[in-house]
């Protein structure tokens, strides 16, 4: 069950991209085992999961996973109208989702400015080309590189094949969840209190055992 689309249904809305609330988001590893044991998810084969990913691509959804490089616990297939993670990006927190090491490139020669790519971009990273007063009018699209996730969800919508992904340098996400949690604590200035509290508990435990 997709939490975000399920919530929207309860609020009387539907996904603008017609993505389903069920059988679209994926849990992995120990998280998946936990969900299945408690009846919140159903086990699926690798082939079935790959078919879900293909369905997500056909719906121009963005694949999102943990901000870590090894052993992620989920793959959500997200849209801008329902997803709370992408909603955070849209509200000005672009690093709330780890970006792929790619960015969108638009061929201005072949682009006809139909608007399909910016309508389907899930973080609003594509829009009409902004012109200066001395430039001739150009009905083409442009990419805001700082917003682009490099997900490629917009590529298949282009009727002139003017979109392509190009490699870019991006900061690497933390390797594993432990490193991610440490970074989160540091950003919130709670890492030192966490370490001090851990030391206190360890000392207390050892004194109690002694």
C-alpha atoms as a PDB file:
ATOM      1  CA  UNK A   1       0.000   0.000   0.000  1.00  0.00           C
ATOM      2  CA  UNK A   2       1.350   3.431  -0.971  1.00  0.00           C
ATOM      3  CA  UNK A   3       0.987   5.551   2.165  1.00  0.00           C
ATOM      4  CA  UNK A   4       0.810   8.866   0.269  1.00  0.00           C
ATOM      5  CA  UNK A   5      -1.809   7.879  -2.323  1.00  0.00           C
ATOM      6  CA  UNK A   6      -3.811   5.978   0.300  1.00  0.00           C
ATOM      7  CA  UNK A   7      -3.873   9.140   2.420  1.00  0.00           C
ATOM      8  CA  UNK A   8      -4.979  11.212  -0.585  1.00  0.00           C
ATOM      9  CA  UNK A   9      -7.830   8.797  -1.255  1.00  0.00           C
ATOM     10  CA  UNK A  10      -9.007   9.256   2.334  1.00  0.00           C
ATOM     11  CA  UNK A  11      -9.006  13.013   1.690  1.00  0.00           C
ATOM     12  CA  UNK A  12     -11.186  12.512  -1.385  1.00  0.00           C
ATOM     13  CA  UNK A  13      -8.475  12.997  -4.014  1.00  0.00           C
ATOM     14  CA  UNK A  14      -6.889  10.869  -6.731  1.00  0.00           C
ATOM     15  CA  UNK A  15      -3.455  10.726  -8.318  1.00  0.00           C
ATOM     16  CA  UNK A  16      -3.131  13.058 -11.323  1.00  0.00           C
ATOM     17  CA  UNK A  17      -0.970  10.439 -13.061  1.00  0.00           C
ATOM     18  CA  UNK A  18      -3.524   7.702 -12.338  1.00  0.00           C
ATOM     19  CA  UNK A  19      -0.985   5.739 -10.307  1.00  0.00           C
ATOM     20  CA  UNK A  20      -2.596   3.094  -8.057  1.00  0.00           C
ATOM     21  CA  UNK A  21      -2.450   3.181  -4.264  1.00  0.00           C
ATOM     22  CA  UNK A  22      -1.755  -0.574  -4.135  1.00  0.00           C
ATOM     23  CA  UNK A  23       0.923  -2.767  -5.724  1.00  0.00           C
ATOM     24  CA  UNK A  24       3.160   0.188  -6.692  1.00  0.00           C
ATOM     25  CA  UNK A  25       5.630   0.688  -3.814  1.00  0.00           C
ATOM     26  CA  UNK A  26       8.226  -1.896  -2.753  1.00  0.00           C
ATOM     27  CA  UNK A  27       9.785  -2.879   0.579  1.00  0.00           C
ATOM     28  CA  UNK A  28      13.138  -4.672   0.642  1.00  0.00           C
ATOM     29  CA  UNK A  29      15.245  -6.797   2.982  1.00  0.00           C
ATOM     30  CA  UNK A  30      14.414  -6.988   6.686  1.00  0.00           C
ATOM     31  CA  UNK A  31      11.874  -4.166   6.311  1.00  0.00           C
ATOM     32  CA  UNK A  32       9.963  -6.290   3.780  1.00  0.00           C
ATOM     33  CA  UNK A  33      10.026  -9.330   6.085  1.00  0.00           C
ATOM     34  CA  UNK A  34       8.678  -7.178   8.933  1.00  0.00           C
ATOM     35  CA  UNK A  35       5.857  -5.810   6.726  1.00  0.00           C
ATOM     36  CA  UNK A  36       4.899  -9.250   5.401  1.00  0.00           C
ATOM     37  CA  UNK A  37       4.851 -10.829   8.896  1.00  0.00           C
ATOM     38  CA  UNK A  38       2.391  -8.195  10.080  1.00  0.00           C
ATOM     39  CA  UNK A  39       0.154  -8.315   7.030  1.00  0.00           C
ATOM     40  CA  UNK A  40       1.068  -4.852   5.693  1.00  0.00           C
ATOM     41  CA  UNK A  41       2.653  -6.232   2.512  1.00  0.00           C
ATOM     42  CA  UNK A  42       2.703  -9.334   0.334  1.00  0.00           C
ATOM     43  CA  UNK A  43       5.767 -11.193  -0.903  1.00  0.00           C
ATOM     44  CA  UNK A  44       6.501 -10.910  -4.632  1.00  0.00           C
ATOM     45  CA  UNK A  45       9.068 -12.487  -6.979  1.00  0.00           C
ATOM     46  CA  UNK A  46      11.891 -10.547  -8.601  1.00  0.00           C
ATOM     47  CA  UNK A  47      10.072 -10.676 -11.945  1.00  0.00           C
ATOM     48  CA  UNK A  48       6.896  -9.295 -10.376  1.00  0.00           C
ATOM     49  CA  UNK A  49       8.815  -6.463  -8.725  1.00  0.00           C
ATOM     50  CA  UNK A  50      10.542  -5.594 -11.996  1.00  0.00           C
ATOM     51  CA  UNK A  51       7.118  -5.452 -13.653  1.00  0.00           C
ATOM     52  CA  UNK A  52       6.037  -2.940 -10.987  1.00  0.00           C
ATOM     53  CA  UNK A  53       9.081  -0.795 -11.768  1.00  0.00           C
ATOM     54  CA  UNK A  54       8.229  -0.950 -15.468  1.00  0.00           C
ATOM     55  CA  UNK A  55       4.651   0.103 -14.708  1.00  0.00           C
ATOM     56  CA  UNK A  56       6.006   3.033 -12.691  1.00  0.00           C
ATOM     57  CA  UNK A  57       8.155   4.145 -15.629  1.00  0.00           C
ATOM     58  CA  UNK A  58       5.157   3.993 -17.943  1.00  0.00           C
ATOM     59  CA  UNK A  59       3.282   6.268 -15.522  1.00  0.00           C
ATOM     60  CA  UNK A  60       6.265   8.697 -15.473  1.00  0.00           C
ATOM     61  CA  UNK A  61       6.838   8.192 -11.758  1.00  0.00           C
ATOM     62  CA  UNK A  62      10.109   8.835  -9.933  1.00  0.00           C
ATOM     63  CA  UNK A  63      11.859   5.965  -8.139  1.00  0.00           C
ATOM     64  CA  UNK A  64      12.865   6.995  -4.605  1.00  0.00           C
ATOM     65  CA  UNK A  65      14.759   4.968  -2.035  1.00  0.00           C
ATOM     66  CA  UNK A  66      16.663   5.505   1.230  1.00  0.00           C
ATOM     67  CA  UNK A  67      19.406   8.147   1.176  1.00  0.00           C
ATOM     68  CA  UNK A  68      22.018   5.391   1.439  1.00  0.00           C
ATOM     69  CA  UNK A  69      24.165   3.479  -1.029  1.00  0.00           C
ATOM     70  CA  UNK A  70      23.916  -0.059   0.415  1.00  0.00           C
ATOM     71  CA  UNK A  71      20.951  -2.201   1.458  1.00  0.00           C
ATOM     72  CA  UNK A  72      18.055   0.232   0.973  1.00  0.00           C
ATOM     73  CA  UNK A  73      14.798  -0.771   2.653  1.00  0.00           C
ATOM     74  CA  UNK A  74      12.293   0.478   0.067  1.00  0.00           C
ATOM     75  CA  UNK A  75      11.659   1.682  -3.491  1.00  0.00           C
ATOM     76  CA  UNK A  76       8.739   4.091  -3.692  1.00  0.00           C
ATOM     77  CA  UNK A  77       7.397   5.136  -7.089  1.00  0.00           C
ATOM     78  CA  UNK A  78       6.389   8.737  -6.630  1.00  0.00           C
ATOM     79  CA  UNK A  79       4.444  11.579  -8.239  1.00  0.00           C
ATOM     80  CA  UNK A  80       4.428  15.273  -7.376  1.00  0.00           C
ATOM     81  CA  UNK A  81       0.706  15.396  -6.565  1.00  0.00           C
ATOM     82  CA  UNK A  82       0.691  12.741  -3.813  1.00  0.00           C
ATOM     83  CA  UNK A  83       4.220  12.011  -2.585  1.00  0.00           C
ATOM     84  CA  UNK A  84       5.234  13.704   0.657  1.00  0.00           C
ATOM     85  CA  UNK A  85       8.949  13.180  -0.028  1.00  0.00           C
ATOM     86  CA  UNK A  86       8.722  14.983  -3.362  1.00  0.00           C
ATOM     87  CA  UNK A  87       6.441  17.543  -1.727  1.00  0.00           C
ATOM     88  CA  UNK A  88       9.357  18.412   0.561  1.00  0.00           C
ATOM     89  CA  UNK A  89      11.608  18.913  -2.462  1.00  0.00           C
ATOM     90  CA  UNK A  90       8.977  21.163  -4.063  1.00  0.00           C
ATOM     91  CA  UNK A  91       8.773  23.211  -0.857  1.00  0.00           C
ATOM     92  CA  UNK A  92      12.464  24.062  -0.953  1.00  0.00           C
ATOM     93  CA  UNK A  93      14.311  21.047   0.500  1.00  0.00           C
ATOM     94  CA  UNK A  94      16.053  19.654  -2.631  1.00  0.00           C
ATOM     95  CA  UNK A  95      18.444  17.469  -0.627  1.00  0.00           C
ATOM     96  CA  UNK A  96      15.630  15.626   1.128  1.00  0.00           C
ATOM     97  CA  UNK A  97      15.882  13.034  -1.650  1.00  0.00           C
ATOM     98  CA  UNK A  98      19.183  11.605  -2.892  1.00  0.00           C
ATOM     99  CA  UNK A  99      19.710  12.568  -6.527  1.00  0.00           C
ATOM    100  CA  UNK A 100      20.986  10.289  -9.285  1.00  0.00           C
ATOM    101  CA  UNK A 101      24.389  11.238 -10.787  1.00  0.00           C
ATOM    102  CA  UNK A 102      22.640  12.590 -13.896  1.00  0.00           C
ATOM    103  CA  UNK A 103      20.850  15.738 -15.006  1.00  0.00           C
ATOM    104  CA  UNK A 104      18.385  16.407 -17.805  1.00  0.00           C
ATOM    105  CA  UNK A 105      19.641  17.964 -21.043  1.00  0.00           C
ATOM    106  CA  UNK A 106      17.278  19.520 -23.581  1.00  0.00           C
ATOM    107  CA  UNK A 107      18.082  19.829 -27.270  1.00  0.00           C
ATOM    108  CA  UNK A 108      16.869  23.358 -28.021  1.00  0.00           C
ATOM    109  CA  UNK A 109      17.073  22.758 -31.765  1.00  0.00           C
ATOM    110  CA  UNK A 110      14.498  19.969 -31.791  1.00  0.00           C
ATOM    111  CA  UNK A 111      12.395  21.039 -28.744  1.00  0.00           C
ATOM    112  CA  UNK A 112       8.982  22.379 -29.810  1.00  0.00           C
ATOM    113  CA  UNK A 113       7.961  23.703 -26.400  1.00  0.00           C
ATOM    114  CA  UNK A 114       4.900  21.468 -26.087  1.00  0.00           C
ATOM    115  CA  UNK A 115       5.132  21.537 -22.276  1.00  0.00           C
ATOM    116  CA  UNK A 116       4.698  17.812 -21.739  1.00  0.00           C
ATOM    117  CA  UNK A 117       8.065  17.458 -19.987  1.00  0.00           C
ATOM    118  CA  UNK A 118       7.447  20.163 -17.407  1.00  0.00           C
ATOM    119  CA  UNK A 119       3.925  18.865 -16.797  1.00  0.00           C
ATOM    120  CA  UNK A 120       5.399  15.435 -16.050  1.00  0.00           C
ATOM    121  CA  UNK A 121       8.480  16.515 -14.056  1.00  0.00           C
ATOM    122  CA  UNK A 122       7.812  15.393 -10.495  1.00  0.00           C
ATOM    123  CA  UNK A 123       9.785  18.201  -8.828  1.00  0.00           C
ATOM    124  CA  UNK A 124       9.103  21.163 -11.119  1.00  0.00           C
ATOM    125  CA  UNK A 125      12.664  21.206 -12.445  1.00  0.00           C
ATOM    126  CA  UNK A 126      11.628  21.876 -16.064  1.00  0.00           C
ATOM    127  CA  UNK A 127       9.801  24.918 -17.393  1.00  0.00           C
ATOM    128  CA  UNK A 128       9.673  27.423 -20.270  1.00  0.00           C
ATOM    129  CA  UNK A 129      13.002  28.968 -21.221  1.00  0.00           C
ATOM    130  CA  UNK A 130      13.405  32.347 -19.513  1.00  0.00           C
ATOM    131  CA  UNK A 131      14.402  35.048 -22.004  1.00  0.00           C
ATOM    132  CA  UNK A 132      16.109  38.413 -21.638  1.00  0.00           C
ATOM    133  CA  UNK A 133      14.583  41.457 -23.306  1.00  0.00           C
ATOM    134  CA  UNK A 134      17.052  41.408 -26.186  1.00  0.00           C
ATOM    135  CA  UNK A 135      16.498  37.737 -27.062  1.00  0.00           C
ATOM    136  CA  UNK A 136      14.143  36.436 -29.704  1.00  0.00           C
ATOM    137  CA  UNK A 137      11.184  34.417 -28.475  1.00  0.00           C
ATOM    138  CA  UNK A 138      11.994  30.716 -28.220  1.00  0.00           C
ATOM    139  CA  UNK A 139       9.227  28.276 -27.463  1.00  0.00           C
ATOM    140  CA  UNK A 140      11.465  25.693 -25.782  1.00  0.00           C
ATOM    141  CA  UNK A 141      11.915  24.073 -22.368  1.00  0.00           C
ATOM    142  CA  UNK A 142      14.728  24.657 -19.891  1.00  0.00           C
ATOM    143  CA  UNK A 143      16.046  22.702 -16.882  1.00  0.00           C
ATOM    144  CA  UNK A 144      16.816  24.024 -13.406  1.00  0.00           C
ATOM    145  CA  UNK A 145      19.881  21.863 -12.738  1.00  0.00           C
ATOM    146  CA  UNK A 146      19.804  22.469  -8.970  1.00  0.00           C
ATOM    147  CA  UNK A 147      16.293  20.963  -8.771  1.00  0.00           C
ATOM    148  CA  UNK A 148      16.617  18.084 -11.256  1.00  0.00           C
ATOM    149  CA  UNK A 149      16.778  14.659  -9.566  1.00  0.00           C
ATOM    150  CA  UNK A 150      18.164  12.950 -12.656  1.00  0.00           C
ATOM    151  CA  UNK A 151      15.330  10.416 -12.503  1.00  0.00           C
ATOM    152  CA  UNK A 152      14.433  10.539 -16.219  1.00  0.00           C
ATOM    153  CA  UNK A 153      10.671  10.306 -15.582  1.00  0.00           C
ATOM    154  CA  UNK A 154      10.039  13.015 -18.175  1.00  0.00           C
ATOM    155  CA  UNK A 155      12.019  11.487 -21.076  1.00  0.00           C
ATOM    156  CA  UNK A 156       9.303   9.275 -22.549  1.00  0.00           C
ATOM    157  CA  UNK A 157       6.825  12.179 -22.685  1.00  0.00           C
ATOM    158  CA  UNK A 158       8.844  14.110 -25.290  1.00  0.00           C
ATOM    159  CA  UNK A 159       7.388  13.679 -28.821  1.00  0.00           C
ATOM    160  CA  UNK A 160      10.590  14.918 -30.492  1.00  0.00           C
ATOM    161  CA  UNK A 161      13.077  12.910 -28.370  1.00  0.00           C
ATOM    162  CA  UNK A 162      14.747  16.143 -27.273  1.00  0.00           C
ATOM    163  CA  UNK A 163      15.458  14.972 -23.717  1.00  0.00           C
ATOM    164  CA  UNK A 164      18.475  13.009 -22.531  1.00  0.00           C
ATOM    165  CA  UNK A 165      20.300  12.333 -19.277  1.00  0.00           C
ATOM    166  CA  UNK A 166      23.918  13.461 -18.949  1.00  0.00           C
ATOM    167  CA  UNK A 167      26.335  12.483 -16.144  1.00  0.00           C
ATOM    168  CA  UNK A 168      26.971  15.114 -13.453  1.00  0.00           C
ATOM    169  CA  UNK A 169      28.955  15.160 -10.227  1.00  0.00           C
ATOM    170  CA  UNK A 170      26.783  14.875  -7.117  1.00  0.00           C
ATOM    171  CA  UNK A 171      27.614  14.399  -3.412  1.00  0.00           C
ATOM    172  CA  UNK A 172      27.394  10.726  -2.502  1.00  0.00           C
ATOM    173  CA  UNK A 173      24.726   9.698   0.007  1.00  0.00           C
ATOM    174  CA  UNK A 174      25.962   8.006   3.211  1.00  0.00           C
ATOM    175  CA  UNK A 175      26.999   4.387   2.767  1.00  0.00           C
ATOM    176  CA  UNK A 176      24.587   2.830   5.274  1.00  0.00           C
ATOM    177  CA  UNK A 177      21.792   3.789   7.653  1.00  0.00           C
ATOM    178  CA  UNK A 178      24.130   4.178  10.610  1.00  0.00           C
ATOM    179  CA  UNK A 179      26.114   6.854   8.772  1.00  0.00           C
ATOM    180  CA  UNK A 180      22.858   8.488   7.623  1.00  0.00           C
ATOM    181  CA  UNK A 181      21.540   8.742  11.188  1.00  0.00           C
ATOM    182  CA  UNK A 182      24.854  10.226  12.361  1.00  0.00           C
ATOM    183  CA  UNK A 183      24.621  12.918   9.663  1.00  0.00           C
ATOM    184  CA  UNK A 184      21.006  13.678  10.608  1.00  0.00           C
ATOM    185  CA  UNK A 185      21.964  14.056  14.283  1.00  0.00           C
ATOM    186  CA  UNK A 186      24.862  16.343  13.348  1.00  0.00           C
ATOM    187  CA  UNK A 187      22.616  18.531  11.176  1.00  0.00           C
ATOM    188  CA  UNK A 188      20.180  18.861  14.081  1.00  0.00           C
ATOM    189  CA  UNK A 189      23.063  19.543  16.492  1.00  0.00           C
ATOM    190  CA  UNK A 190      22.035  16.525  18.559  1.00  0.00           C
ATOM    191  CA  UNK A 191      25.003  14.254  17.891  1.00  0.00           C
ATOM    192  CA  UNK A 192      27.106  15.313  20.898  1.00  0.00           C
ATOM    193  CA  UNK A 193      24.201  14.960  23.383  1.00  0.00           C
ATOM    194  CA  UNK A 194      23.466  11.533  21.837  1.00  0.00           C
ATOM    195  CA  UNK A 195      27.070  10.377  22.318  1.00  0.00           C
ATOM    196  CA  UNK A 196      27.229  11.742  25.892  1.00  0.00           C
ATOM    197  CA  UNK A 197      23.961  10.015  26.804  1.00  0.00           C
ATOM    198  CA  UNK A 198      25.231   6.737  25.302  1.00  0.00           C
ATOM    199  CA  UNK A 199      28.435   6.967  27.369  1.00  0.00           C
ATOM    200  CA  UNK A 200      26.441   7.668  30.543  1.00  0.00           C
ATOM    201  CA  UNK A 201      24.215   4.643  29.947  1.00  0.00           C
ATOM    202  CA  UNK A 202      27.253   2.426  29.267  1.00  0.00           C
ATOM    203  CA  UNK A 203      28.993   3.538  32.465  1.00  0.00           C
ATOM    204  CA  UNK A 204      25.805   3.093  34.505  1.00  0.00           C
ATOM    205  CA  UNK A 205      25.305  -0.393  33.111  1.00  0.00           C
ATOM    206  CA  UNK A 206      28.891  -1.419  33.876  1.00  0.00           C
ATOM    207  CA  UNK A 207      28.667  -0.032  37.438  1.00  0.00           C
ATOM    208  CA  UNK A 208      25.414  -1.944  37.940  1.00  0.00           C
ATOM    209  CA  UNK A 209      27.000  -5.162  36.711  1.00  0.00           C
ATOM    210  CA  UNK A 210      30.039  -4.614  38.917  1.00  0.00           C
END
